């Protein structure tokens, strides 16, 4: 895997050693960031179920002010740390957390932290998306900035709701077996 654009352009990232973690393809990442281009500069970005951290690192490379990486796996946590160290990313630009996605969101909502401008949620395809998406929708005012966006990567055959709590899907993009669903506050 490599960084596609920005200050880390062309730099290589270490990939997960097993096929249990499905990294977002370079092509899909490029499409995603072409869509997000007007929103990314100075954004607070959450890479939820981050895996190798490639999506969040791409956001940093393209000008995001801060990225929070969350993954439940200790191995993925270590891989994210390794990739960030190889790029010499400043600690004030990042936070790396080893927690379940829903547990992280619940704890964060209680602390009344600054909301995210962009949330990218890419769980394993077999995971229950609805619980996390429902929670983000219910807590949209605490979790998501006023003009923020939630992007969910899922298998193209998996149907997600058009409306979830305070979120409404406004765009869906299919590429290969993957699909990106874009949500904003309704």
C-alpha atoms as a PDB file:
ATOM      1  CA  UNK A   1       0.000   0.000   0.000  1.00  0.00           C
ATOM      2  CA  UNK A   2       1.109   3.516  -0.668  1.00  0.00           C
ATOM      3  CA  UNK A   3      -0.007   7.063   0.092  1.00  0.00           C
ATOM      4  CA  UNK A   4      -1.654   8.484  -3.013  1.00  0.00           C
ATOM      5  CA  UNK A   5      -1.354  12.270  -2.597  1.00  0.00           C
ATOM      6  CA  UNK A   6      -0.265  15.062  -0.284  1.00  0.00           C
ATOM      7  CA  UNK A   7       2.820  15.531   1.843  1.00  0.00           C
ATOM      8  CA  UNK A   8       3.434  11.756   2.228  1.00  0.00           C
ATOM      9  CA  UNK A   9       2.693  10.969  -1.420  1.00  0.00           C
ATOM     10  CA  UNK A  10       4.339   7.816  -2.713  1.00  0.00           C
ATOM     11  CA  UNK A  11       5.439   6.614   0.731  1.00  0.00           C
ATOM     12  CA  UNK A  12       4.768   2.948   1.374  1.00  0.00           C
ATOM     13  CA  UNK A  13       2.825   1.589   4.311  1.00  0.00           C
ATOM     14  CA  UNK A  14       3.078  -1.821   5.920  1.00  0.00           C
ATOM     15  CA  UNK A  15       0.058  -4.020   5.230  1.00  0.00           C
ATOM     16  CA  UNK A  16      -1.699  -6.370   7.619  1.00  0.00           C
ATOM     17  CA  UNK A  17      -0.029  -9.799   7.561  1.00  0.00           C
ATOM     18  CA  UNK A  18      -3.281 -11.757   7.236  1.00  0.00           C
ATOM     19  CA  UNK A  19      -6.294 -11.611   4.966  1.00  0.00           C
ATOM     20  CA  UNK A  20      -8.607 -11.214   7.982  1.00  0.00           C
ATOM     21  CA  UNK A  21      -8.103  -7.453   7.669  1.00  0.00           C
ATOM     22  CA  UNK A  22      -9.324  -6.079   4.355  1.00  0.00           C
ATOM     23  CA  UNK A  23      -7.514  -2.819   3.556  1.00  0.00           C
ATOM     24  CA  UNK A  24      -9.330  -0.190   1.501  1.00  0.00           C
ATOM     25  CA  UNK A  25      -7.888  -0.465  -2.011  1.00  0.00           C
ATOM     26  CA  UNK A  26      -5.716   2.346  -3.400  1.00  0.00           C
ATOM     27  CA  UNK A  27      -8.314   2.945  -6.110  1.00  0.00           C
ATOM     28  CA  UNK A  28     -11.222   3.252  -3.663  1.00  0.00           C
ATOM     29  CA  UNK A  29      -9.142   5.474  -1.344  1.00  0.00           C
ATOM     30  CA  UNK A  30      -8.329   7.749  -4.273  1.00  0.00           C
ATOM     31  CA  UNK A  31     -12.023   7.987  -5.211  1.00  0.00           C
ATOM     32  CA  UNK A  32     -12.972   8.666  -1.581  1.00  0.00           C
ATOM     33  CA  UNK A  33     -10.467  11.493  -1.215  1.00  0.00           C
ATOM     34  CA  UNK A  34     -11.397  13.033  -4.562  1.00  0.00           C
ATOM     35  CA  UNK A  35     -14.928  13.353  -3.152  1.00  0.00           C
ATOM     36  CA  UNK A  36     -13.710  14.607   0.251  1.00  0.00           C
ATOM     37  CA  UNK A  37     -11.144  17.063  -1.185  1.00  0.00           C
ATOM     38  CA  UNK A  38     -13.105  20.256  -0.327  1.00  0.00           C
ATOM     39  CA  UNK A  39     -13.666  19.065   3.265  1.00  0.00           C
ATOM     40  CA  UNK A  40     -10.299  17.591   4.241  1.00  0.00           C
ATOM     41  CA  UNK A  41      -8.098  20.651   4.876  1.00  0.00           C
ATOM     42  CA  UNK A  42      -8.008  21.308   8.636  1.00  0.00           C
ATOM     43  CA  UNK A  43     -10.557  18.559   9.369  1.00  0.00           C
ATOM     44  CA  UNK A  44     -10.823  16.429  12.495  1.00  0.00           C
ATOM     45  CA  UNK A  45     -10.952  12.903  11.047  1.00  0.00           C
ATOM     46  CA  UNK A  46     -11.972   9.632  12.738  1.00  0.00           C
ATOM     47  CA  UNK A  47     -10.728   6.392  11.146  1.00  0.00           C
ATOM     48  CA  UNK A  48     -12.998   3.860  12.878  1.00  0.00           C
ATOM     49  CA  UNK A  49     -11.938   0.192  12.484  1.00  0.00           C
ATOM     50  CA  UNK A  50      -8.712   1.617  11.078  1.00  0.00           C
ATOM     51  CA  UNK A  51      -6.815  -1.578  10.220  1.00  0.00           C
ATOM     52  CA  UNK A  52      -3.429  -0.438   8.891  1.00  0.00           C
ATOM     53  CA  UNK A  53      -4.416   3.223   9.243  1.00  0.00           C
ATOM     54  CA  UNK A  54      -4.072   3.866   5.502  1.00  0.00           C
ATOM     55  CA  UNK A  55      -7.271   5.936   5.205  1.00  0.00           C
ATOM     56  CA  UNK A  56      -6.453   8.135   8.211  1.00  0.00           C
ATOM     57  CA  UNK A  57      -2.847   8.552   7.082  1.00  0.00           C
ATOM     58  CA  UNK A  58      -4.105   9.585   3.626  1.00  0.00           C
ATOM     59  CA  UNK A  59      -6.291  12.193   5.388  1.00  0.00           C
ATOM     60  CA  UNK A  60      -3.239  13.525   7.277  1.00  0.00           C
ATOM     61  CA  UNK A  61      -1.217  13.582   4.076  1.00  0.00           C
ATOM     62  CA  UNK A  62      -3.916  15.673   2.389  1.00  0.00           C
ATOM     63  CA  UNK A  63      -4.174  18.254   5.169  1.00  0.00           C
ATOM     64  CA  UNK A  64      -6.419  16.959   7.966  1.00  0.00           C
ATOM     65  CA  UNK A  65      -5.541  18.754  11.209  1.00  0.00           C
ATOM     66  CA  UNK A  66      -6.026  15.714  13.451  1.00  0.00           C
ATOM     67  CA  UNK A  67      -6.769  12.020  12.939  1.00  0.00           C
ATOM     68  CA  UNK A  68      -7.982   9.556  15.538  1.00  0.00           C
ATOM     69  CA  UNK A  69      -7.339   5.910  14.637  1.00  0.00           C
ATOM     70  CA  UNK A  70      -9.482   3.294  16.397  1.00  0.00           C
ATOM     71  CA  UNK A  71      -9.121  -0.464  16.043  1.00  0.00           C
ATOM     72  CA  UNK A  72      -9.949  -3.239  18.490  1.00  0.00           C
ATOM     73  CA  UNK A  73      -6.966  -5.389  17.498  1.00  0.00           C
ATOM     74  CA  UNK A  74      -3.689  -4.907  19.354  1.00  0.00           C
ATOM     75  CA  UNK A  75      -1.862  -6.113  16.209  1.00  0.00           C
ATOM     76  CA  UNK A  76      -3.537  -3.408  14.098  1.00  0.00           C
ATOM     77  CA  UNK A  77      -2.800  -0.826  16.818  1.00  0.00           C
ATOM     78  CA  UNK A  78       0.893  -1.770  16.584  1.00  0.00           C
ATOM     79  CA  UNK A  79       0.779  -1.684  12.770  1.00  0.00           C
ATOM     80  CA  UNK A  80      -0.776   1.813  12.798  1.00  0.00           C
ATOM     81  CA  UNK A  81       1.921   2.990  15.237  1.00  0.00           C
ATOM     82  CA  UNK A  82       4.643   1.502  12.980  1.00  0.00           C
ATOM     83  CA  UNK A  83       3.217   3.208   9.882  1.00  0.00           C
ATOM     84  CA  UNK A  84       2.926   6.571  11.657  1.00  0.00           C
ATOM     85  CA  UNK A  85       6.487   6.345  13.029  1.00  0.00           C
ATOM     86  CA  UNK A  86       7.848   5.540   9.563  1.00  0.00           C
ATOM     87  CA  UNK A  87       6.350   8.830   8.346  1.00  0.00           C
ATOM     88  CA  UNK A  88       7.525  10.783  11.415  1.00  0.00           C
ATOM     89  CA  UNK A  89       3.994  12.081  12.118  1.00  0.00           C
ATOM     90  CA  UNK A  90       3.746  14.562  14.985  1.00  0.00           C
ATOM     91  CA  UNK A  91       1.973  13.317  18.143  1.00  0.00           C
ATOM     92  CA  UNK A  92      -0.246  16.412  18.260  1.00  0.00           C
ATOM     93  CA  UNK A  93      -1.766  15.429  14.889  1.00  0.00           C
ATOM     94  CA  UNK A  94      -2.868  11.944  15.940  1.00  0.00           C
ATOM     95  CA  UNK A  95      -4.440   9.708  18.547  1.00  0.00           C
ATOM     96  CA  UNK A  96      -4.301   5.900  18.297  1.00  0.00           C
ATOM     97  CA  UNK A  97      -6.804   3.915  20.365  1.00  0.00           C
ATOM     98  CA  UNK A  98      -7.219   0.167  20.818  1.00  0.00           C
ATOM     99  CA  UNK A  99     -10.951  -0.282  21.547  1.00  0.00           C
ATOM    100  CA  UNK A 100     -14.147  -1.635  20.056  1.00  0.00           C
ATOM    101  CA  UNK A 101     -15.772   1.026  17.859  1.00  0.00           C
ATOM    102  CA  UNK A 102     -18.960   1.338  19.916  1.00  0.00           C
ATOM    103  CA  UNK A 103     -17.064   1.383  23.221  1.00  0.00           C
ATOM    104  CA  UNK A 104     -14.836   4.185  21.905  1.00  0.00           C
ATOM    105  CA  UNK A 105     -17.821   6.267  20.729  1.00  0.00           C
ATOM    106  CA  UNK A 106     -19.725   5.856  24.015  1.00  0.00           C
ATOM    107  CA  UNK A 107     -16.724   6.845  26.121  1.00  0.00           C
ATOM    108  CA  UNK A 108     -15.987   9.821  23.893  1.00  0.00           C
ATOM    109  CA  UNK A 109     -19.590  11.097  24.010  1.00  0.00           C
ATOM    110  CA  UNK A 110     -19.425  11.166  27.839  1.00  0.00           C
ATOM    111  CA  UNK A 111     -16.261  13.277  27.733  1.00  0.00           C
ATOM    112  CA  UNK A 112     -17.884  15.890  25.480  1.00  0.00           C
ATOM    113  CA  UNK A 113     -14.906  16.092  23.134  1.00  0.00           C
ATOM    114  CA  UNK A 114     -14.803  18.265  20.009  1.00  0.00           C
ATOM    115  CA  UNK A 115     -16.885  16.527  17.308  1.00  0.00           C
ATOM    116  CA  UNK A 116     -15.345  15.074  14.157  1.00  0.00           C
ATOM    117  CA  UNK A 117     -15.705  16.684  10.729  1.00  0.00           C
ATOM    118  CA  UNK A 118     -15.332  13.326   8.969  1.00  0.00           C
ATOM    119  CA  UNK A 119     -15.951   9.819  10.289  1.00  0.00           C
ATOM    120  CA  UNK A 120     -14.781   6.925   8.130  1.00  0.00           C
ATOM    121  CA  UNK A 121     -16.211   3.603   9.333  1.00  0.00           C
ATOM    122  CA  UNK A 122     -14.792   0.470   7.674  1.00  0.00           C
ATOM    123  CA  UNK A 123     -15.559  -2.580   9.811  1.00  0.00           C
ATOM    124  CA  UNK A 124     -15.070  -6.194   8.792  1.00  0.00           C
ATOM    125  CA  UNK A 125     -17.853  -7.029   6.334  1.00  0.00           C
ATOM    126  CA  UNK A 126     -19.259  -9.656   8.729  1.00  0.00           C
ATOM    127  CA  UNK A 127     -19.645  -7.122  11.568  1.00  0.00           C
ATOM    128  CA  UNK A 128     -22.969  -5.701  12.730  1.00  0.00           C
ATOM    129  CA  UNK A 129     -22.796  -2.222  11.164  1.00  0.00           C
ATOM    130  CA  UNK A 130     -26.155  -1.137  12.505  1.00  0.00           C
ATOM    131  CA  UNK A 131     -25.231  -0.848  16.202  1.00  0.00           C
ATOM    132  CA  UNK A 132     -22.362   1.564  15.511  1.00  0.00           C
ATOM    133  CA  UNK A 133     -24.186   3.465  12.773  1.00  0.00           C
ATOM    134  CA  UNK A 134     -27.310   3.775  14.964  1.00  0.00           C
ATOM    135  CA  UNK A 135     -25.194   5.142  17.809  1.00  0.00           C
ATOM    136  CA  UNK A 136     -23.490   7.700  15.563  1.00  0.00           C
ATOM    137  CA  UNK A 137     -26.930   8.714  14.255  1.00  0.00           C
ATOM    138  CA  UNK A 138     -28.374   9.059  17.767  1.00  0.00           C
ATOM    139  CA  UNK A 139     -25.357  11.009  18.991  1.00  0.00           C
ATOM    140  CA  UNK A 140     -24.822  12.986  15.773  1.00  0.00           C
ATOM    141  CA  UNK A 141     -24.756  16.353  17.563  1.00  0.00           C
ATOM    142  CA  UNK A 142     -22.037  15.124  19.958  1.00  0.00           C
ATOM    143  CA  UNK A 143     -20.042  12.978  17.549  1.00  0.00           C
ATOM    144  CA  UNK A 144     -20.260  14.855  14.257  1.00  0.00           C
ATOM    145  CA  UNK A 145     -19.553  18.529  13.526  1.00  0.00           C
ATOM    146  CA  UNK A 146     -22.451  20.578  12.147  1.00  0.00           C
ATOM    147  CA  UNK A 147     -21.516  20.103   8.477  1.00  0.00           C
ATOM    148  CA  UNK A 148     -19.753  16.781   9.053  1.00  0.00           C
ATOM    149  CA  UNK A 149     -19.980  13.596   7.034  1.00  0.00           C
ATOM    150  CA  UNK A 150     -19.961   9.886   7.904  1.00  0.00           C
ATOM    151  CA  UNK A 151     -18.684   7.461   5.278  1.00  0.00           C
ATOM    152  CA  UNK A 152     -19.298   3.735   5.671  1.00  0.00           C
ATOM    153  CA  UNK A 153     -17.404   1.216   3.560  1.00  0.00           C
ATOM    154  CA  UNK A 154     -19.397  -1.986   3.118  1.00  0.00           C
ATOM    155  CA  UNK A 155     -19.911  -4.888   0.731  1.00  0.00           C
ATOM    156  CA  UNK A 156     -21.972  -3.848  -2.291  1.00  0.00           C
ATOM    157  CA  UNK A 157     -24.593  -6.525  -1.526  1.00  0.00           C
ATOM    158  CA  UNK A 158     -25.155  -5.253   2.015  1.00  0.00           C
ATOM    159  CA  UNK A 159     -28.049  -2.831   2.321  1.00  0.00           C
ATOM    160  CA  UNK A 160     -27.684  -0.041   4.854  1.00  0.00           C
ATOM    161  CA  UNK A 161     -30.533   2.196   5.965  1.00  0.00           C
ATOM    162  CA  UNK A 162     -31.053   5.493   4.121  1.00  0.00           C
ATOM    163  CA  UNK A 163     -31.762   7.235   7.448  1.00  0.00           C
ATOM    164  CA  UNK A 164     -30.160   6.443  10.786  1.00  0.00           C
ATOM    165  CA  UNK A 165     -31.094   8.611  13.766  1.00  0.00           C
ATOM    166  CA  UNK A 166     -30.058  12.129  12.828  1.00  0.00           C
ATOM    167  CA  UNK A 167     -28.211  11.012   9.680  1.00  0.00           C
ATOM    168  CA  UNK A 168     -29.406  10.704   6.100  1.00  0.00           C
ATOM    169  CA  UNK A 169     -27.579   8.987   3.251  1.00  0.00           C
ATOM    170  CA  UNK A 170     -27.004  11.419   0.399  1.00  0.00           C
ATOM    171  CA  UNK A 171     -24.658   9.421  -1.814  1.00  0.00           C
ATOM    172  CA  UNK A 172     -23.679   5.838  -2.528  1.00  0.00           C
ATOM    173  CA  UNK A 173     -20.696   4.856  -4.637  1.00  0.00           C
ATOM    174  CA  UNK A 174     -20.000   1.297  -5.792  1.00  0.00           C
ATOM    175  CA  UNK A 175     -16.581   0.113  -6.916  1.00  0.00           C
ATOM    176  CA  UNK A 176     -15.872  -3.600  -7.376  1.00  0.00           C
ATOM    177  CA  UNK A 177     -17.230  -5.520  -4.380  1.00  0.00           C
ATOM    178  CA  UNK A 178     -17.030  -2.426  -2.156  1.00  0.00           C
ATOM    179  CA  UNK A 179     -19.486   0.363  -1.635  1.00  0.00           C
ATOM    180  CA  UNK A 180     -19.187   3.730   0.104  1.00  0.00           C
ATOM    181  CA  UNK A 181     -22.310   5.197   1.726  1.00  0.00           C
ATOM    182  CA  UNK A 182     -22.113   8.909   2.594  1.00  0.00           C
ATOM    183  CA  UNK A 183     -24.278  10.288   5.420  1.00  0.00           C
ATOM    184  CA  UNK A 184     -24.800  13.812   6.747  1.00  0.00           C
ATOM    185  CA  UNK A 185     -26.964  15.288   9.498  1.00  0.00           C
ATOM    186  CA  UNK A 186     -30.567  15.548   8.371  1.00  0.00           C
END
